[in-house]
Amino acid sequence: MRDDLKGLLKRHEAFWRGEGERALRQVTAHAPLREQGGIPLTDGGRAREGQYITPDLIDPRRFYGENGGAGSVISGDFMAGSAPPGLCWTEAILGCPVRVVTGGPWAEPFFEEGTDLGRLTADERWLKKLDAFVDFLVARAGGRHPVGQPLFRGPVDMMASALGHERMCVAFVESPEWADAFLEVCAEVFIEAARRRLDHTPPFEGGYISGYGIWAPGSVVRTQVDNATLLSPGVYRERVLPHDRRVIEAFDCPLIHLHSGCLHIVDDLLRVEALRAIQVSIDYPGGPLASEVMPIFRRVLREKPLIVTGPVTEAELRELEALDPPGRLCLRVEIVA
């Protein structure tokens, strides 16, 4: 077991350097997402549709069973670990109300364009609740497996949640200086939350685990830019990228999450030297599908490691497996008929 773990650590470290000998790979059957029954609450009940979630309503002990988590730290080409649940952490810490919609949490707008940004500060109640979840998982793991980052949405996604999607787009045009200042606050809040999570997380084998089961020899942080789909490449490059760059440069092994429908900003990201990897989720069935973005995947792999997740066909899997160089590639995909 110890030798197997050492070998896996070497493979993962080589992936971040872009020097692996073969791809990291996990292929499973595609299964549609199922309703999980609502967020568990401190009182033992479940959140109702439309209910607002506040820090006092949630307790980490309600989210997990009595066992110590992953039975084995090795799971094929990947490392098994645990992480806090996705609860709109960065948006909530920024100040967004969080409400249950179709069983899951959703951050709602709360800020008006042009409002004094001095009112915009990190919510210590949500930061302390994040601490509580991380501390609980660290104690539960007992050093047997790593504890990773929950889903943190990046600065432009935080802005879209706080203002609403339409008002965000208008702000970039009508109030560009204010929009830049708003994104600067979002970046500060993101970095504070990510550093706080890391401060409460002991390293595992001298490093940390990403949300994709890949260990790294340093601080791993995943950010994302889903709402860049609403922006032109020029607006993203001029208004948003400087703030994403600030987040990226604050950590050792940063990676960024994109969807296959948001690859118009890839060239700008490839020029960010500190960005260690790009992750792309395939937007199945709405597209673009994996076969449509394969040329972009080839372009990414010439510069940086690439993580591909989501549903693909057997033919698309064969195309993905033929991408070069394989040592920069991670596939965690699901086969659809």
Protein backbone atom coordinates (compact mmCIF):
# COMPACT_ATOMS: atom_id res chain seq x y z
CA MET A 1 0.00 0.00 0.00
CA ARG A 2 2.77 2.42 0.90
CA ASP A 3 4.66 1.72 -2.33
CA ASP A 4 1.42 2.10 -4.31
CA LEU A 5 0.80 5.48 -2.70
CA LYS A 6 4.34 6.65 -3.41
CA GLY A 7 3.91 5.66 -7.05
CA LEU A 8 0.61 7.53 -7.29
CA LEU A 9 2.11 10.65 -5.72
CA LYS A 10 4.90 10.60 -8.31
CA ARG A 11 2.37 10.26 -11.15
CA HIS A 12 0.32 13.17 -9.81
CA GLU A 13 3.36 15.39 -9.34
CA ALA A 14 4.43 14.58 -12.91
CA PHE A 15 0.95 15.55 -14.15
CA TRP A 16 1.27 19.07 -12.69
CA ARG A 17 4.68 19.41 -14.32
CA GLY A 18 3.27 18.17 -17.62
CA GLU A 19 5.79 15.34 -17.61
CA GLY A 20 3.68 12.23 -16.98
CA GLU A 21 4.15 9.08 -19.02
CA ARG A 22 0.45 8.31 -19.47
CA ALA A 23 -2.92 9.91 -18.84
CA LEU A 24 -4.74 9.77 -15.52
CA ARG A 25 -7.96 7.96 -16.38
CA GLN A 26 -11.35 6.98 -14.95
CA VAL A 27 -14.22 5.92 -17.20
CA THR A 28 -17.66 5.09 -15.81
CA ALA A 29 -21.20 4.73 -17.17
CA HIS A 30 -23.22 7.93 -17.42
CA ALA A 31 -25.98 8.22 -14.82
CA PRO A 32 -28.31 11.25 -14.64
CA LEU A 33 -28.16 13.28 -11.44
CA ARG A 34 -30.76 12.30 -8.87
CA GLU A 35 -32.52 14.43 -6.31
CA GLN A 36 -30.75 14.12 -2.95
CA GLY A 37 -33.70 15.04 -0.76
CA GLY A 38 -32.73 18.51 0.39
CA ILE A 39 -29.97 19.94 2.58
CA PRO A 40 -29.80 18.39 6.08
CA LEU A 41 -30.43 20.91 8.84
CA THR A 42 -29.17 21.26 12.40
CA ASP A 43 -32.54 20.22 13.85
CA GLY A 44 -32.48 16.89 11.99
CA GLY A 45 -34.90 17.91 9.27
CA ARG A 46 -34.32 18.75 5.61
CA ALA A 47 -34.47 22.14 3.94
CA ARG A 48 -37.75 22.87 2.17
CA GLU A 49 -38.07 24.23 -1.36
CA GLY A 50 -37.67 28.01 -1.21
CA GLN A 51 -36.14 28.02 2.27
CA TYR A 52 -33.24 30.38 2.98
CA ILE A 53 -30.14 28.76 4.46
CA THR A 54 -28.17 30.59 7.15
CA PRO A 55 -25.01 29.40 8.95
CA ASP A 56 -26.89 28.53 12.13
CA LEU A 57 -29.19 26.13 10.23
CA ILE A 58 -26.42 23.77 9.11
CA ASP A 59 -24.08 21.49 11.06
CA PRO A 60 -21.37 19.29 9.52
CA ARG A 61 -22.39 16.34 11.69
CA ARG A 62 -25.71 16.18 9.81
CA PHE A 63 -24.01 15.78 6.43
CA TYR A 64 -21.86 12.71 7.12
CA GLY A 65 -22.21 9.24 8.57
CA GLU A 66 -20.40 7.85 11.57
CA ASN A 67 -17.55 6.20 9.67
CA GLY A 68 -14.21 7.83 8.94
CA GLY A 69 -14.79 8.47 5.24
CA ALA A 70 -12.85 6.87 2.40
CA GLY A 71 -11.85 3.26 3.06
CA SER A 72 -8.74 3.47 0.89
CA VAL A 73 -6.85 6.58 -0.09
CA ILE A 74 -6.10 5.09 -3.51
CA SER A 75 -8.91 4.93 -6.07
CA GLY A 76 -7.44 3.76 -9.36
CA ASP A 77 -5.40 6.59 -10.87
CA PHE A 78 -6.76 9.01 -8.28
CA MET A 79 -6.70 9.76 -4.59
CA ALA A 80 -9.82 9.48 -2.45
CA GLY A 81 -10.58 12.18 0.07
CA SER A 82 -13.37 14.33 1.42
CA ALA A 83 -14.49 17.95 1.15
CA PRO A 84 -17.24 20.19 2.51
CA PRO A 85 -20.49 20.14 0.52
CA GLY A 86 -21.24 22.72 -2.15
CA LEU A 87 -23.17 25.45 -0.34
CA CYS A 88 -22.44 28.54 -2.47
CA TRP A 89 -19.58 29.32 -0.09
CA THR A 90 -17.89 32.22 -1.85
CA GLU A 91 -21.19 33.89 -2.77
CA ALA A 92 -22.54 33.47 0.78
CA ILE A 93 -19.29 34.81 2.29
CA LEU A 94 -19.63 37.81 -0.04
CA GLY A 95 -23.14 38.40 1.31
CA CYS A 96 -25.55 36.66 -1.08
CA PRO A 97 -28.64 35.09 0.48
CA VAL A 98 -28.64 31.33 -0.15
CA ARG A 99 -31.98 29.67 -0.90
CA VAL A 100 -32.97 26.08 -1.67
CA VAL A 101 -34.13 25.67 -5.28
CA THR A 102 -35.11 22.19 -6.60
CA GLY A 103 -33.36 20.56 -3.65
CA GLY A 104 -30.04 22.41 -3.81
CA PRO A 105 -28.59 25.77 -2.75
CA TRP A 106 -28.70 28.83 -4.99
CA ALA A 107 -27.19 32.27 -4.32
CA GLU A 108 -29.47 35.25 -4.92
CA PRO A 109 -28.69 38.88 -5.82
CA PHE A 110 -28.46 41.39 -2.98
CA PHE A 111 -26.39 44.34 -4.25
CA GLU A 112 -27.19 47.26 -6.53
CA GLU A 113 -24.89 48.63 -9.22
CA GLY A 114 -23.17 51.82 -8.05
CA THR A 115 -23.69 51.11 -4.34
CA ASP A 116 -20.84 52.01 -1.97
CA LEU A 117 -18.46 49.05 -1.96
CA GLY A 118 -17.43 49.83 1.61
CA ARG A 119 -20.51 47.83 2.60
CA LEU A 120 -19.12 44.74 0.90
CA THR A 121 -17.08 42.67 3.37
CA ALA A 122 -16.59 38.97 4.05
CA ASP A 123 -19.32 37.50 6.25
CA GLU A 124 -17.53 36.11 9.29
CA ARG A 125 -20.50 33.85 10.15
CA TRP A 126 -20.08 31.93 6.89
CA LEU A 127 -16.29 31.86 7.24
CA LYS A 128 -16.63 30.32 10.71
CA LYS A 129 -19.10 27.77 9.35
CA LEU A 130 -16.59 26.85 6.65
CA ASP A 131 -13.98 26.43 9.41
CA ALA A 132 -16.39 24.12 11.25
CA PHE A 133 -16.93 21.88 8.21
CA VAL A 134 -13.21 21.65 7.45
CA ASP A 135 -12.28 21.00 11.10
CA PHE A 136 -14.94 18.28 11.32
CA LEU A 137 -13.67 16.53 8.18
CA VAL A 138 -10.02 16.79 9.25
CA ALA A 139 -10.84 15.18 12.60
CA ARG A 140 -12.97 12.53 10.86
CA ALA A 141 -10.18 11.69 8.40
CA GLY A 142 -7.64 11.28 11.21
CA GLY A 143 -4.77 11.59 8.74
CA ARG A 144 -5.95 8.53 6.75
CA HIS A 145 -6.98 10.56 3.69
CA PRO A 146 -6.76 14.18 2.50
CA VAL A 147 -9.39 16.89 2.90
CA GLY A 148 -9.98 19.14 -0.09
CA GLN A 149 -11.68 22.34 -1.11
CA PRO A 150 -15.43 22.67 -1.57
CA LEU A 151 -16.80 24.25 -4.72
CA PHE A 152 -15.73 27.91 -4.71
CA ARG A 153 -17.09 30.07 -7.52
CA GLY A 154 -14.66 32.65 -8.84
CA PRO A 155 -14.88 36.47 -8.91
CA VAL A 156 -17.06 36.89 -12.02
CA ASP A 157 -19.48 34.19 -10.81
CA MET A 158 -19.64 35.88 -7.41
CA MET A 159 -20.41 39.18 -9.13
CA ALA A 160 -23.15 37.60 -11.28
CA SER A 161 -24.75 36.12 -8.17
CA ALA A 162 -24.54 39.35 -6.18
CA LEU A 163 -25.91 41.66 -8.91
CA GLY A 164 -27.87 39.32 -11.17
CA HIS A 165 -26.62 38.28 -14.60
CA GLU A 166 -28.17 41.13 -16.58
CA ARG A 167 -27.04 43.86 -14.17
CA MET A 168 -23.52 42.44 -14.17
CA CYS A 169 -23.31 42.74 -17.95
CA VAL A 170 -24.71 46.28 -17.83
CA ALA A 171 -22.21 47.28 -15.14
CA PHE A 172 -19.26 46.31 -17.35
CA VAL A 173 -20.53 48.77 -19.97
CA GLU A 174 -22.05 51.60 -17.93
CA SER A 175 -19.90 51.53 -14.76
CA PRO A 176 -16.57 49.93 -15.73
CA GLU A 177 -14.54 51.45 -12.87
CA TRP A 178 -17.14 50.39 -10.32
CA ALA A 179 -17.29 46.90 -11.88
CA ASP A 180 -13.50 46.60 -11.60
CA ALA A 181 -13.64 47.63 -7.94
CA PHE A 182 -16.44 45.12 -7.31
CA LEU A 183 -14.43 42.30 -8.89
CA GLU A 184 -11.44 43.31 -6.79
CA VAL A 185 -13.52 42.79 -3.65
CA CYS A 186 -14.72 39.44 -4.99
CA ALA A 187 -11.13 38.33 -5.59
CA GLU A 188 -10.15 39.40 -2.06
CA VAL A 189 -13.05 37.44 -0.55
CA PHE A 190 -12.22 34.37 -2.65
CA ILE A 191 -8.56 34.44 -1.60
CA GLU A 192 -9.50 34.93 2.05
CA ALA A 193 -11.88 31.95 1.98
CA ALA A 194 -9.38 29.73 0.14
CA ARG A 195 -6.51 30.61 2.46
CA ARG A 196 -8.69 30.08 5.50
CA ARG A 197 -9.67 26.64 4.25
CA LEU A 198 -6.02 25.78 3.69
CA ASP A 199 -5.05 27.11 7.14
CA HIS A 200 -7.51 24.62 8.67
CA THR A 201 -6.35 21.72 6.47
CA PRO A 202 -3.18 19.83 7.35
CA PRO A 203 -1.11 18.72 4.34
CA PHE A 204 -1.33 15.09 3.28
CA GLU A 205 1.99 13.53 2.27
CA GLY A 206 3.39 17.05 2.07
CA GLY A 207 0.74 18.40 -0.31
CA TYR A 208 -2.97 18.88 -0.95
CA ILE A 209 -5.66 17.24 -3.05
CA SER A 210 -7.64 18.92 -5.81
CA GLY A 211 -11.36 18.47 -6.32
CA TYR A 212 -10.57 15.95 -9.07
CA GLY A 213 -8.63 13.52 -6.90
CA ILE A 214 -5.21 14.71 -8.06
CA TRP A 215 -2.64 15.34 -5.32
CA ALA A 216 -0.23 18.26 -5.70
CA PRO A 217 2.98 19.17 -3.87
CA GLY A 218 1.58 22.53 -2.72
CA SER A 219 -1.59 24.53 -2.16
CA VAL A 220 -4.27 23.52 -4.68
CA VAL A 221 -7.12 25.92 -5.39
CA ARG A 222 -9.84 25.53 -8.00
CA THR A 223 -11.55 28.65 -9.31
CA GLN A 224 -14.14 28.99 -12.04
CA VAL A 225 -15.57 31.45 -14.56
CA ASP A 226 -18.94 30.03 -15.64
CA ASN A 227 -20.43 33.48 -16.27
CA ALA A 228 -17.69 34.38 -18.72
CA THR A 229 -20.07 32.72 -21.21
CA LEU A 230 -21.98 36.03 -21.11
CA LEU A 231 -18.90 38.10 -22.00
CA SER A 232 -16.90 38.64 -25.16
CA PRO A 233 -13.24 37.59 -25.16
CA GLY A 234 -12.26 41.27 -25.05
CA VAL A 235 -14.43 42.09 -22.04
CA TYR A 236 -13.17 39.01 -20.24
CA ARG A 237 -9.54 39.86 -21.05
CA GLU A 238 -9.77 43.51 -20.01
CA ARG A 239 -12.22 43.44 -17.10
CA VAL A 240 -12.20 39.96 -15.53
CA LEU A 241 -8.87 38.29 -16.26
CA PRO A 242 -6.81 40.63 -14.02
CA HIS A 243 -8.87 39.49 -11.04
CA ASP A 244 -8.72 35.81 -12.01
CA ARG A 245 -4.97 36.25 -12.39
CA ARG A 246 -4.77 37.64 -8.86
CA VAL A 247 -6.55 34.55 -7.50
CA ILE A 248 -4.39 32.21 -9.59
CA GLU A 249 -1.12 33.82 -8.51
CA ALA A 250 -1.99 33.51 -4.80
CA PHE A 251 -1.55 29.70 -4.74
CA ASP A 252 0.98 27.03 -5.72
CA CYS A 253 -1.11 24.78 -7.97
CA PRO A 254 -4.16 26.71 -9.17
CA LEU A 255 -6.56 25.25 -11.72
CA ILE A 256 -9.57 26.81 -13.40
CA HIS A 257 -12.91 25.20 -14.26
CA LEU A 258 -14.57 25.91 -17.61
CA HIS A 259 -17.49 24.45 -19.51
CA SER A 260 -17.21 23.33 -23.11
CA GLY A 261 -19.46 26.30 -23.94
CA CYS A 262 -16.96 28.78 -22.44
CA LEU A 263 -13.78 28.01 -24.34
CA HIS A 264 -13.61 31.38 -26.13
CA ILE A 265 -11.36 32.58 -23.28
CA VAL A 266 -8.89 29.68 -23.43
CA ASP A 267 -6.18 31.56 -25.32
CA ASP A 268 -6.09 34.27 -22.66
CA LEU A 269 -5.85 31.69 -19.89
CA LEU A 270 -3.04 29.86 -21.63
CA ARG A 271 -1.00 33.04 -21.37
CA VAL A 272 -1.32 33.09 -17.56
CA GLU A 273 1.97 31.50 -16.57
CA ALA A 274 0.94 30.75 -12.97
CA LEU A 275 -2.13 28.74 -14.05
CA ARG A 276 -1.13 25.10 -13.68
CA ALA A 277 -4.10 23.30 -15.29
CA ILE A 278 -7.40 23.86 -17.10
CA GLN A 279 -10.44 21.70 -16.39
CA VAL A 280 -13.32 21.43 -18.86
CA SER A 281 -16.75 19.97 -18.14
CA ILE A 282 -18.55 18.71 -21.25
CA ASP A 283 -21.97 20.33 -21.63
CA TYR A 284 -23.92 17.20 -22.53
CA PRO A 285 -26.46 17.04 -24.10
CA GLY A 286 -26.76 20.75 -24.94
CA GLY A 287 -23.20 21.03 -26.20
CA PRO A 288 -20.68 21.83 -27.38
CA LEU A 289 -19.84 18.14 -27.11
CA ALA A 290 -16.35 16.71 -26.75
CA SER A 291 -16.00 16.02 -30.49
CA GLU A 292 -16.67 19.70 -31.27
CA VAL A 293 -13.99 21.09 -28.96
CA MET A 294 -11.23 18.54 -29.62
CA PRO A 295 -9.08 21.10 -31.52
CA ILE A 296 -9.17 23.37 -28.47
CA PHE A 297 -8.16 20.46 -26.24
CA ARG A 298 -5.15 19.88 -28.47
CA ARG A 299 -4.22 23.55 -28.18
CA VAL A 300 -4.49 23.46 -24.37
CA LEU A 301 -2.32 20.36 -24.10
CA ARG A 302 0.49 22.03 -26.01
CA GLU A 303 0.73 24.52 -23.14
CA LYS A 304 -0.76 23.10 -19.93
CA PRO A 305 -2.24 20.02 -18.26
CA LEU A 306 -5.90 19.41 -19.12
CA ILE A 307 -8.63 17.74 -17.03
CA VAL A 308 -11.74 16.63 -18.95
CA THR A 309 -14.90 15.59 -17.12
CA GLY A 310 -18.46 14.77 -18.12
CA PRO A 311 -20.38 12.58 -20.55
CA VAL A 312 -18.77 11.40 -23.81
CA THR A 313 -19.48 8.75 -26.43
CA GLU A 314 -17.22 5.75 -27.06
CA ALA A 315 -15.95 7.43 -30.24
CA GLU A 316 -15.17 10.64 -28.33
CA LEU A 317 -13.36 8.65 -25.67
CA ARG A 318 -11.09 7.16 -28.34
CA GLU A 319 -10.35 10.68 -29.62
CA LEU A 320 -9.59 11.88 -26.10
CA GLU A 321 -7.30 8.94 -25.42
CA ALA A 322 -5.35 9.78 -28.58
CA LEU A 323 -4.60 13.34 -27.43
CA ASP A 324 -0.93 14.19 -27.04
CA PRO A 325 1.04 14.47 -24.84
CA PRO A 326 -0.86 11.92 -22.71
CA GLY A 327 1.08 12.76 -19.54
CA ARG A 328 -0.62 16.17 -19.39
CA LEU A 329 -4.09 14.67 -19.68
CA CYS A 330 -6.62 13.64 -17.03
CA LEU A 331 -9.88 11.98 -18.10
CA ARG A 332 -12.72 11.50 -15.60
CA VAL A 333 -15.53 10.85 -18.04
CA GLU A 334 -18.82 8.98 -18.31
CA ILE A 335 -19.86 6.93 -21.33
CA VAL A 336 -23.24 7.65 -22.91
CA ALA A 337 -24.98 5.42 -25.41
